[in-house]
């Protein structure tokens, strides 16, 4: 009886602000032993990371996984490219959408699912500055309405 819960190790919180998320896909990731140990200690970052599709493979680029503190001389490189594991159909669909529509593929989170590391990647379109301001304005308006509702219930 395996665990059904998934625990998030690293997340890219700025992605929702910088990009308009159109579609998400779950992918496996090839990690070394010291990398998974470091991720379990929350030693990772997806700040400037992106996904690059080369040939029949997808690679996670510029993601940072801190060196494992108890690792030996055989510790991993911090910003090495990491291979993502996707089905051929998913890979081809992602490649087609990035080439035809000018979308980008960004990682949203790295998490454990049944003890196996997975990456949640998204097809996204970059937001313009005025889109960011509009989304912040909408978020602030909804917060104000929630505060007003809570205030009226307390009376």
Protein backbone atom coordinates (compact mmCIF):
# COMPACT_ATOMS: atom_id res chain seq x y z
CA UNK A 1 0.00 0.00 0.00
CA UNK A 2 1.88 3.08 -1.30
CA UNK A 3 1.35 6.67 -0.25
CA UNK A 4 -1.06 8.58 -2.50
CA UNK A 5 -0.01 12.03 -1.33
CA UNK A 6 2.36 14.26 -3.26
CA UNK A 7 4.65 16.64 -1.41
CA UNK A 8 5.94 19.74 -3.16
CA UNK A 9 9.69 20.23 -2.80
CA UNK A 10 10.31 23.32 -4.96
CA UNK A 11 7.88 25.75 -6.58
CA UNK A 12 8.15 28.59 -9.07
CA UNK A 13 5.86 31.19 -7.52
CA UNK A 14 6.78 33.98 -9.95
CA UNK A 15 5.57 31.94 -12.93
CA UNK A 16 1.94 32.91 -12.37
CA UNK A 17 2.88 36.58 -12.29
CA UNK A 18 5.23 36.56 -15.28
CA UNK A 19 3.31 34.15 -17.56
CA UNK A 20 -0.22 33.24 -18.54
CA UNK A 21 -0.44 29.47 -17.94
CA UNK A 22 -2.26 27.71 -20.79
CA UNK A 23 -1.67 23.98 -20.17
CA UNK A 24 0.19 21.84 -17.62
CA UNK A 25 1.92 18.47 -17.99
CA UNK A 26 3.54 16.14 -15.46
CA UNK A 27 6.99 14.86 -16.38
CA UNK A 28 9.51 12.61 -14.71
CA UNK A 29 13.02 13.91 -14.08
CA UNK A 30 16.35 12.09 -14.08
CA UNK A 31 18.23 12.98 -10.88
CA UNK A 32 21.39 11.79 -9.19
CA UNK A 33 21.32 10.44 -5.63
CA UNK A 34 22.73 13.57 -4.03
CA UNK A 35 20.26 15.75 -5.97
CA UNK A 36 17.19 14.01 -4.58
CA UNK A 37 18.63 14.19 -1.07
CA UNK A 38 19.25 17.91 -1.48
CA UNK A 39 15.72 18.44 -2.83
CA UNK A 40 14.24 16.63 0.14
CA UNK A 41 16.08 19.20 2.31
CA UNK A 42 14.40 21.96 0.22
CA UNK A 43 17.66 22.92 -1.48
CA UNK A 44 16.31 23.74 -4.94
CA UNK A 45 15.21 26.71 -7.02
CA UNK A 46 13.29 27.12 -10.29
CA UNK A 47 13.78 30.89 -10.43
CA UNK A 48 15.26 31.24 -13.95
CA UNK A 49 14.53 27.71 -15.16
CA UNK A 50 13.02 26.79 -18.51
CA UNK A 51 12.49 23.64 -20.60
CA UNK A 52 14.35 23.16 -23.88
CA UNK A 53 13.22 20.54 -26.42
CA UNK A 54 16.17 19.19 -28.42
CA UNK A 55 15.55 16.39 -30.90
CA UNK A 56 13.47 13.72 -29.17
CA UNK A 57 14.36 14.85 -25.64
CA UNK A 58 13.30 17.58 -23.23
CA UNK A 59 15.81 19.18 -20.86
CA UNK A 60 15.29 21.27 -17.72
CA UNK A 61 17.78 24.13 -18.00
CA UNK A 62 19.06 26.64 -15.41
CA UNK A 63 17.37 24.97 -12.45
CA UNK A 64 19.42 25.07 -9.29
CA UNK A 65 19.76 22.18 -6.86
CA UNK A 66 22.16 23.05 -4.05
CA UNK A 67 25.05 20.63 -3.42
CA UNK A 68 24.16 18.08 -0.76
CA UNK A 69 25.74 19.13 2.53
CA UNK A 70 26.74 15.56 3.48
CA UNK A 71 27.90 14.66 -0.04
CA UNK A 72 31.41 13.53 -0.82
CA UNK A 73 33.74 14.56 -3.62
CA UNK A 74 31.23 12.92 -6.01
CA UNK A 75 28.61 15.62 -5.34
CA UNK A 76 26.54 16.90 -8.29
CA UNK A 77 26.87 20.14 -10.28
CA UNK A 78 24.42 22.79 -9.13
CA UNK A 79 23.08 24.03 -12.50
CA UNK A 80 23.51 21.07 -14.84
CA UNK A 81 20.85 20.29 -17.50
CA UNK A 82 18.46 17.57 -16.30
CA UNK A 83 16.60 15.27 -18.66
CA UNK A 84 12.81 15.20 -18.46
CA UNK A 85 10.91 12.00 -19.13
CA UNK A 86 7.86 12.46 -21.37
CA UNK A 87 5.90 10.31 -23.81
CA UNK A 88 6.64 10.89 -27.51
CA UNK A 89 3.16 12.27 -28.15
CA UNK A 90 3.43 14.77 -25.29
CA UNK A 91 6.91 15.81 -26.42
CA UNK A 92 5.80 16.32 -30.01
CA UNK A 93 2.75 18.33 -28.92
CA UNK A 94 4.92 20.59 -26.74
CA UNK A 95 7.45 21.08 -29.55
CA UNK A 96 4.72 21.92 -32.08
CA UNK A 97 3.03 24.47 -29.80
CA UNK A 98 6.30 26.23 -28.97
CA UNK A 99 7.29 26.49 -32.64
CA UNK A 100 3.91 27.41 -34.14
CA UNK A 101 2.36 29.58 -31.46
CA UNK A 102 5.51 31.07 -29.92
CA UNK A 103 4.80 29.71 -26.45
CA UNK A 104 7.41 28.81 -23.83
CA UNK A 105 7.67 25.80 -21.53
CA UNK A 106 8.38 26.63 -17.91
CA UNK A 107 8.62 24.45 -14.80
CA UNK A 108 6.07 25.21 -12.09
CA UNK A 109 7.08 22.76 -9.34
CA UNK A 110 9.17 19.75 -8.44
CA UNK A 111 7.39 17.32 -6.15
CA UNK A 112 7.37 13.72 -4.99
CA UNK A 113 4.61 11.40 -6.12
CA UNK A 114 4.70 7.95 -4.56
CA UNK A 115 8.37 8.57 -3.74
CA UNK A 116 9.34 9.48 -7.32
CA UNK A 117 10.43 13.00 -8.31
CA UNK A 118 8.14 14.69 -10.85
CA UNK A 119 8.17 18.11 -12.50
CA UNK A 120 5.01 20.03 -13.30
CA UNK A 121 5.72 21.92 -16.52
CA UNK A 122 3.46 24.40 -18.27
CA UNK A 123 2.95 25.82 -21.73
CA UNK A 124 2.82 29.54 -21.13
CA UNK A 125 2.64 32.88 -22.86
CA UNK A 126 4.56 35.85 -21.47
CA UNK A 127 2.44 38.60 -19.93
CA UNK A 128 2.88 42.22 -20.92
CA UNK A 129 3.41 44.83 -18.20
CA UNK A 130 -0.16 46.10 -18.43
CA UNK A 131 -1.47 42.51 -18.06
CA UNK A 132 0.51 42.16 -14.83
CA UNK A 133 -0.92 45.42 -13.50
CA UNK A 134 -4.46 44.35 -14.43
CA UNK A 135 -4.11 40.98 -12.68
CA UNK A 136 -2.73 42.68 -9.55
CA UNK A 137 -5.65 45.13 -9.61
CA UNK A 138 -8.18 42.27 -9.91
CA UNK A 139 -6.52 40.37 -7.07
CA UNK A 140 -6.60 43.46 -4.82
CA UNK A 141 -10.27 44.09 -5.66
CA UNK A 142 -11.24 40.51 -4.76
CA UNK A 143 -9.32 40.80 -1.46
CA UNK A 144 -11.15 44.03 -0.64
CA UNK A 145 -14.52 42.38 -1.36
CA UNK A 146 -13.60 39.43 0.87
CA UNK A 147 -12.59 41.82 3.67
CA UNK A 148 -15.87 43.70 3.28
CA UNK A 149 -17.88 40.44 3.44
CA UNK A 150 -16.03 39.28 6.55
CA UNK A 151 -16.52 42.68 8.18
CA UNK A 152 -20.29 42.59 7.64
CA UNK A 153 -20.60 39.06 9.04
CA UNK A 154 -18.86 40.02 12.30
CA UNK A 155 -21.38 42.79 13.10
